[in-house]
Amino acid sequence: MEFAKKYKSRGLAVIGMALDEDGWKAVKPFVKAKKMNYTVVVGGDGLAKLYGVESTPATFLIGRDGRIVRTDMGRLVDRAECEREIRRLLGAKGE
């Protein structure tokens, strides 16, 4: 949520994908409780397979050209490392 807010004006789009079997019934209260500031979609096995999601959490960084440039599966991502990569992709120069 921090990166979505911080880099939105530079073109960062954050999309969360929930794979809960109960769909929106389980996801909607979570999104509301966490006050998520980015788009969340509910997917199933087909969407997970399409993106190669083998385990969760899964994080993808996708360049402006639509290609996946980094994938992290089954572990939380180091925030500083992730931000460096976001800044690189956005062409950010200093804060």
N, C-alpha and C. Protein backbone atom coordinates (compact mmCIF):
# COMPACT_ATOMS: atom_id res chain seq x y z
N MET A 1 0.83 -1.18 0.00
CA MET A 1 0.00 0.00 0.00
C MET A 1 0.88 1.25 0.00
N GLU A 2 2.01 1.16 0.70
CA GLU A 2 2.92 2.31 0.74
C GLU A 2 3.45 2.63 -0.66
N PHE A 3 3.89 1.62 -1.40
CA PHE A 3 4.42 1.85 -2.74
C PHE A 3 3.33 2.31 -3.70
N ALA A 4 2.12 1.80 -3.55
CA ALA A 4 1.01 2.22 -4.40
C ALA A 4 0.77 3.71 -4.24
N LYS A 5 0.82 4.19 -3.01
CA LYS A 5 0.61 5.61 -2.75
C LYS A 5 1.80 6.45 -3.20
N LYS A 6 2.98 6.00 -2.85
CA LYS A 6 4.20 6.76 -3.10
C LYS A 6 4.52 6.92 -4.59
N TYR A 7 4.25 5.89 -5.39
CA TYR A 7 4.68 5.91 -6.79
C TYR A 7 3.54 5.97 -7.81
N LYS A 8 2.33 6.14 -7.34
CA LYS A 8 1.19 6.21 -8.27
C LYS A 8 1.38 7.31 -9.30
N SER A 9 1.83 8.48 -8.86
CA SER A 9 1.97 9.61 -9.78
C SER A 9 3.06 9.37 -10.83
N ARG A 10 3.90 8.39 -10.59
CA ARG A 10 4.96 8.06 -11.55
C ARG A 10 4.57 6.89 -12.44
N GLY A 11 3.35 6.40 -12.25
CA GLY A 11 2.86 5.35 -13.13
C GLY A 11 2.81 3.96 -12.55
N LEU A 12 3.13 3.81 -11.26
CA LEU A 12 3.05 2.48 -10.66
C LEU A 12 1.60 2.08 -10.47
N ALA A 13 1.27 0.90 -10.93
CA ALA A 13 -0.06 0.33 -10.69
C ALA A 13 0.14 -0.94 -9.88
N VAL A 14 -0.60 -1.07 -8.80
CA VAL A 14 -0.52 -2.26 -7.95
C VAL A 14 -1.84 -2.99 -8.09
N ILE A 15 -1.74 -4.30 -8.31
CA ILE A 15 -2.93 -5.14 -8.40
C ILE A 15 -2.72 -6.35 -7.51
N GLY A 16 -3.63 -6.55 -6.59
CA GLY A 16 -3.57 -7.73 -5.73
C GLY A 16 -4.48 -8.80 -6.30
N MET A 17 -4.01 -10.04 -6.26
CA MET A 17 -4.83 -11.14 -6.74
C MET A 17 -5.05 -12.12 -5.59
N ALA A 18 -6.31 -12.31 -5.23
CA ALA A 18 -6.66 -13.25 -4.17
C ALA A 18 -7.10 -14.57 -4.81
N LEU A 19 -6.67 -15.66 -4.23
CA LEU A 19 -7.02 -16.98 -4.74
C LEU A 19 -7.91 -17.75 -3.78
N ASP A 20 -8.59 -17.03 -2.92
CA ASP A 20 -9.45 -17.66 -1.91
C ASP A 20 -10.58 -18.45 -2.56
N GLU A 21 -10.80 -19.65 -2.08
CA GLU A 21 -11.87 -20.50 -2.62
C GLU A 21 -13.24 -19.88 -2.41
N ASP A 22 -13.41 -19.09 -1.35
CA ASP A 22 -14.69 -18.45 -1.07
C ASP A 22 -14.88 -17.16 -1.86
N GLY A 23 -13.92 -16.81 -2.70
CA GLY A 23 -14.03 -15.63 -3.56
C GLY A 23 -14.23 -14.35 -2.78
N TRP A 24 -15.08 -13.47 -3.33
CA TRP A 24 -15.30 -12.16 -2.74
C TRP A 24 -15.85 -12.23 -1.33
N LYS A 25 -16.54 -13.32 -1.01
CA LYS A 25 -17.09 -13.47 0.34
C LYS A 25 -15.97 -13.37 1.39
N ALA A 26 -14.82 -13.95 1.08
CA ALA A 26 -13.69 -13.89 2.00
C ALA A 26 -12.81 -12.66 1.77
N VAL A 27 -12.70 -12.24 0.53
CA VAL A 27 -11.77 -11.18 0.17
C VAL A 27 -12.26 -9.78 0.53
N LYS A 28 -13.52 -9.51 0.27
CA LYS A 28 -14.07 -8.16 0.48
C LYS A 28 -13.88 -7.65 1.91
N PRO A 29 -14.19 -8.45 2.94
CA PRO A 29 -13.97 -7.95 4.31
C PRO A 29 -12.50 -7.68 4.61
N PHE A 30 -11.60 -8.49 4.04
CA PHE A 30 -10.17 -8.31 4.25
C PHE A 30 -9.70 -7.00 3.62
N VAL A 31 -10.11 -6.75 2.38
CA VAL A 31 -9.74 -5.52 1.68
C VAL A 31 -10.24 -4.30 2.44
N LYS A 32 -11.47 -4.38 2.93
CA LYS A 32 -12.05 -3.27 3.69
C LYS A 32 -11.32 -3.05 5.01
N ALA A 33 -11.04 -4.13 5.72
CA ALA A 33 -10.37 -4.02 7.02
C ALA A 33 -8.96 -3.45 6.89
N LYS A 34 -8.27 -3.82 5.83
CA LYS A 34 -6.90 -3.35 5.62
C LYS A 34 -6.84 -2.00 4.91
N LYS A 35 -8.02 -1.51 4.47
CA LYS A 35 -8.11 -0.23 3.76
C LYS A 35 -7.13 -0.19 2.58
N MET A 36 -7.18 -1.23 1.78
CA MET A 36 -6.26 -1.37 0.66
C MET A 36 -6.51 -0.29 -0.38
N ASN A 37 -5.44 0.34 -0.84
CA ASN A 37 -5.52 1.47 -1.76
C ASN A 37 -5.18 1.08 -3.20
N TYR A 38 -5.30 -0.18 -3.50
CA TYR A 38 -5.05 -0.64 -4.86
C TYR A 38 -6.10 -1.66 -5.27
N THR A 39 -6.14 -1.92 -6.56
CA THR A 39 -7.13 -2.85 -7.12
C THR A 39 -6.85 -4.27 -6.66
N VAL A 40 -7.89 -4.98 -6.29
CA VAL A 40 -7.78 -6.39 -5.92
C VAL A 40 -8.73 -7.17 -6.81
N VAL A 41 -8.24 -8.26 -7.37
CA VAL A 41 -9.06 -9.14 -8.18
C VAL A 41 -9.10 -10.51 -7.53
N VAL A 42 -10.14 -11.25 -7.80
CA VAL A 42 -10.25 -12.62 -7.31
C VAL A 42 -10.04 -13.54 -8.49
N GLY A 43 -9.09 -14.41 -8.36
CA GLY A 43 -8.78 -15.35 -9.43
C GLY A 43 -8.93 -16.77 -8.94
N GLY A 44 -8.80 -17.67 -9.86
CA GLY A 44 -8.89 -19.08 -9.53
C GLY A 44 -7.68 -19.81 -10.06
N ASP A 45 -7.80 -21.10 -10.15
CA ASP A 45 -6.69 -21.93 -10.61
C ASP A 45 -6.22 -21.54 -12.01
N GLY A 46 -7.16 -21.17 -12.88
CA GLY A 46 -6.79 -20.80 -14.25
C GLY A 46 -5.89 -19.59 -14.30
N LEU A 47 -6.23 -18.55 -13.53
CA LEU A 47 -5.42 -17.33 -13.51
C LEU A 47 -4.07 -17.61 -12.85
N ALA A 48 -4.09 -18.37 -11.78
CA ALA A 48 -2.83 -18.72 -11.11
C ALA A 48 -1.92 -19.49 -12.07
N LYS A 49 -2.47 -20.41 -12.80
CA LYS A 49 -1.70 -21.20 -13.75
C LYS A 49 -1.15 -20.31 -14.87
N LEU A 50 -1.97 -19.40 -15.36
CA LEU A 50 -1.56 -18.48 -16.42
C LEU A 50 -0.31 -17.70 -16.04
N TYR A 51 -0.23 -17.28 -14.76
CA TYR A 51 0.91 -16.50 -14.29
C TYR A 51 1.97 -17.36 -13.59
N GLY A 52 1.78 -18.65 -13.57
CA GLY A 52 2.78 -19.53 -12.98
C GLY A 52 2.88 -19.45 -11.48
N VAL A 53 1.77 -19.10 -10.81
CA VAL A 53 1.78 -19.01 -9.35
C VAL A 53 1.83 -20.42 -8.79
N GLU A 54 2.94 -20.72 -8.14
CA GLU A 54 3.15 -22.04 -7.56
C GLU A 54 2.88 -22.06 -6.06
N SER A 55 3.10 -20.90 -5.42
CA SER A 55 2.85 -20.78 -3.99
C SER A 55 2.60 -19.31 -3.67
N THR A 56 2.02 -19.06 -2.51
CA THR A 56 1.75 -17.70 -2.11
C THR A 56 2.48 -17.40 -0.81
N PRO A 57 2.82 -16.17 -0.55
CA PRO A 57 2.54 -15.03 -1.42
C PRO A 57 3.39 -15.07 -2.68
N ALA A 58 2.90 -14.42 -3.71
CA ALA A 58 3.64 -14.29 -4.96
C ALA A 58 3.67 -12.82 -5.34
N THR A 59 4.82 -12.34 -5.74
CA THR A 59 4.98 -10.95 -6.13
C THR A 59 5.58 -10.89 -7.52
N PHE A 60 4.96 -10.10 -8.38
CA PHE A 60 5.46 -9.89 -9.73
C PHE A 60 5.70 -8.41 -9.94
N LEU A 61 6.83 -8.08 -10.53
CA LEU A 61 7.07 -6.72 -10.98
C LEU A 61 7.02 -6.78 -12.50
N ILE A 62 6.16 -5.96 -13.07
CA ILE A 62 5.92 -5.98 -14.50
C ILE A 62 6.29 -4.62 -15.07
N GLY A 63 7.12 -4.62 -16.10
CA GLY A 63 7.58 -3.39 -16.72
C GLY A 63 6.47 -2.73 -17.52
N ARG A 64 6.73 -1.53 -17.96
CA ARG A 64 5.76 -0.77 -18.75
C ARG A 64 5.40 -1.48 -20.05
N ASP A 65 6.30 -2.35 -20.52
CA ASP A 65 6.05 -3.09 -21.75
C ASP A 65 5.19 -4.33 -21.52
N GLY A 66 4.80 -4.57 -20.26
CA GLY A 66 3.94 -5.69 -19.94
C GLY A 66 4.67 -6.99 -19.65
N ARG A 67 5.98 -6.98 -19.71
CA ARG A 67 6.73 -8.20 -19.43
C ARG A 67 7.05 -8.30 -17.94
N ILE A 68 6.98 -9.50 -17.42
CA ILE A 68 7.33 -9.75 -16.02
C ILE A 68 8.84 -9.69 -15.91
N VAL A 69 9.34 -8.80 -15.06
CA VAL A 69 10.78 -8.64 -14.91
C VAL A 69 11.32 -9.25 -13.62
N ARG A 70 10.43 -9.55 -12.70
CA ARG A 70 10.86 -10.17 -11.44
C ARG A 70 9.68 -10.92 -10.84
N THR A 71 9.97 -12.10 -10.33
CA THR A 71 8.95 -12.92 -9.68
C THR A 71 9.52 -13.46 -8.37
N ASP A 72 8.75 -13.35 -7.31
CA ASP A 72 9.10 -13.94 -6.02
C ASP A 72 7.93 -14.79 -5.57
N MET A 73 8.17 -16.07 -5.36
CA MET A 73 7.11 -17.00 -4.95
C MET A 73 7.37 -17.54 -3.55
N GLY A 74 6.32 -17.56 -2.76
CA GLY A 74 6.36 -18.25 -1.48
C GLY A 74 7.21 -17.59 -0.40
N ARG A 75 7.55 -16.34 -0.59
CA ARG A 75 8.28 -15.65 0.46
C ARG A 75 7.94 -14.17 0.40
N LEU A 76 8.09 -13.54 1.52
CA LEU A 76 7.88 -12.10 1.54
C LEU A 76 9.08 -11.42 0.92
N VAL A 77 8.84 -10.36 0.20
CA VAL A 77 9.89 -9.66 -0.51
C VAL A 77 10.54 -8.62 0.39
N ASP A 78 11.84 -8.49 0.28
CA ASP A 78 12.57 -7.47 1.01
C ASP A 78 12.10 -6.11 0.51
N ARG A 79 11.59 -5.27 1.40
CA ARG A 79 10.99 -3.98 1.01
C ARG A 79 11.99 -3.07 0.29
N ALA A 80 13.21 -2.97 0.83
CA ALA A 80 14.21 -2.08 0.23
C ALA A 80 14.58 -2.57 -1.17
N GLU A 81 14.75 -3.84 -1.31
CA GLU A 81 15.09 -4.43 -2.61
C GLU A 81 13.97 -4.21 -3.61
N CYS A 82 12.75 -4.41 -3.17
CA CYS A 82 11.59 -4.21 -4.03
C CYS A 82 11.48 -2.75 -4.46
N GLU A 83 11.69 -1.84 -3.53
CA GLU A 83 11.60 -0.42 -3.87
C GLU A 83 12.69 -0.02 -4.86
N ARG A 84 13.89 -0.54 -4.69
CA ARG A 84 14.97 -0.24 -5.64
C ARG A 84 14.56 -0.68 -7.06
N GLU A 85 13.96 -1.85 -7.16
CA GLU A 85 13.54 -2.37 -8.46
C GLU A 85 12.40 -1.53 -9.04
N ILE A 86 11.46 -1.14 -8.20
CA ILE A 86 10.36 -0.27 -8.66
C ILE A 86 10.93 1.05 -9.19
N ARG A 87 11.83 1.63 -8.43
CA ARG A 87 12.42 2.90 -8.84
C ARG A 87 13.18 2.75 -10.17
N ARG A 88 13.87 1.64 -10.32
CA ARG A 88 14.59 1.39 -11.57
C ARG A 88 13.61 1.29 -12.73
N LEU A 89 12.54 0.54 -12.54
CA LEU A 89 11.54 0.36 -13.60
C LEU A 89 10.85 1.67 -13.96
N LEU A 90 10.64 2.52 -12.96
CA LEU A 90 9.97 3.80 -13.21
C LEU A 90 10.93 4.88 -13.69
N GLY A 91 12.23 4.57 -13.63
CA GLY A 91 13.21 5.57 -14.01
C GLY A 91 13.30 6.68 -12.99
N ALA A 92 13.00 6.37 -11.72
CA ALA A 92 12.99 7.37 -10.65
C ALA A 92 14.40 7.84 -10.32
N LYS A 93 14.54 9.12 -10.16
CA LYS A 93 15.82 9.74 -9.80
C LYS A 93 15.66 10.47 -8.48
N GLY A 94 16.12 9.88 -7.40
CA GLY A 94 16.04 10.57 -6.10
C GLY A 94 14.62 10.82 -5.63
N GLU A 95 14.50 11.22 -4.43
CA GLU A 95 13.19 11.48 -3.82
C GLU A 95 13.08 12.93 -3.42
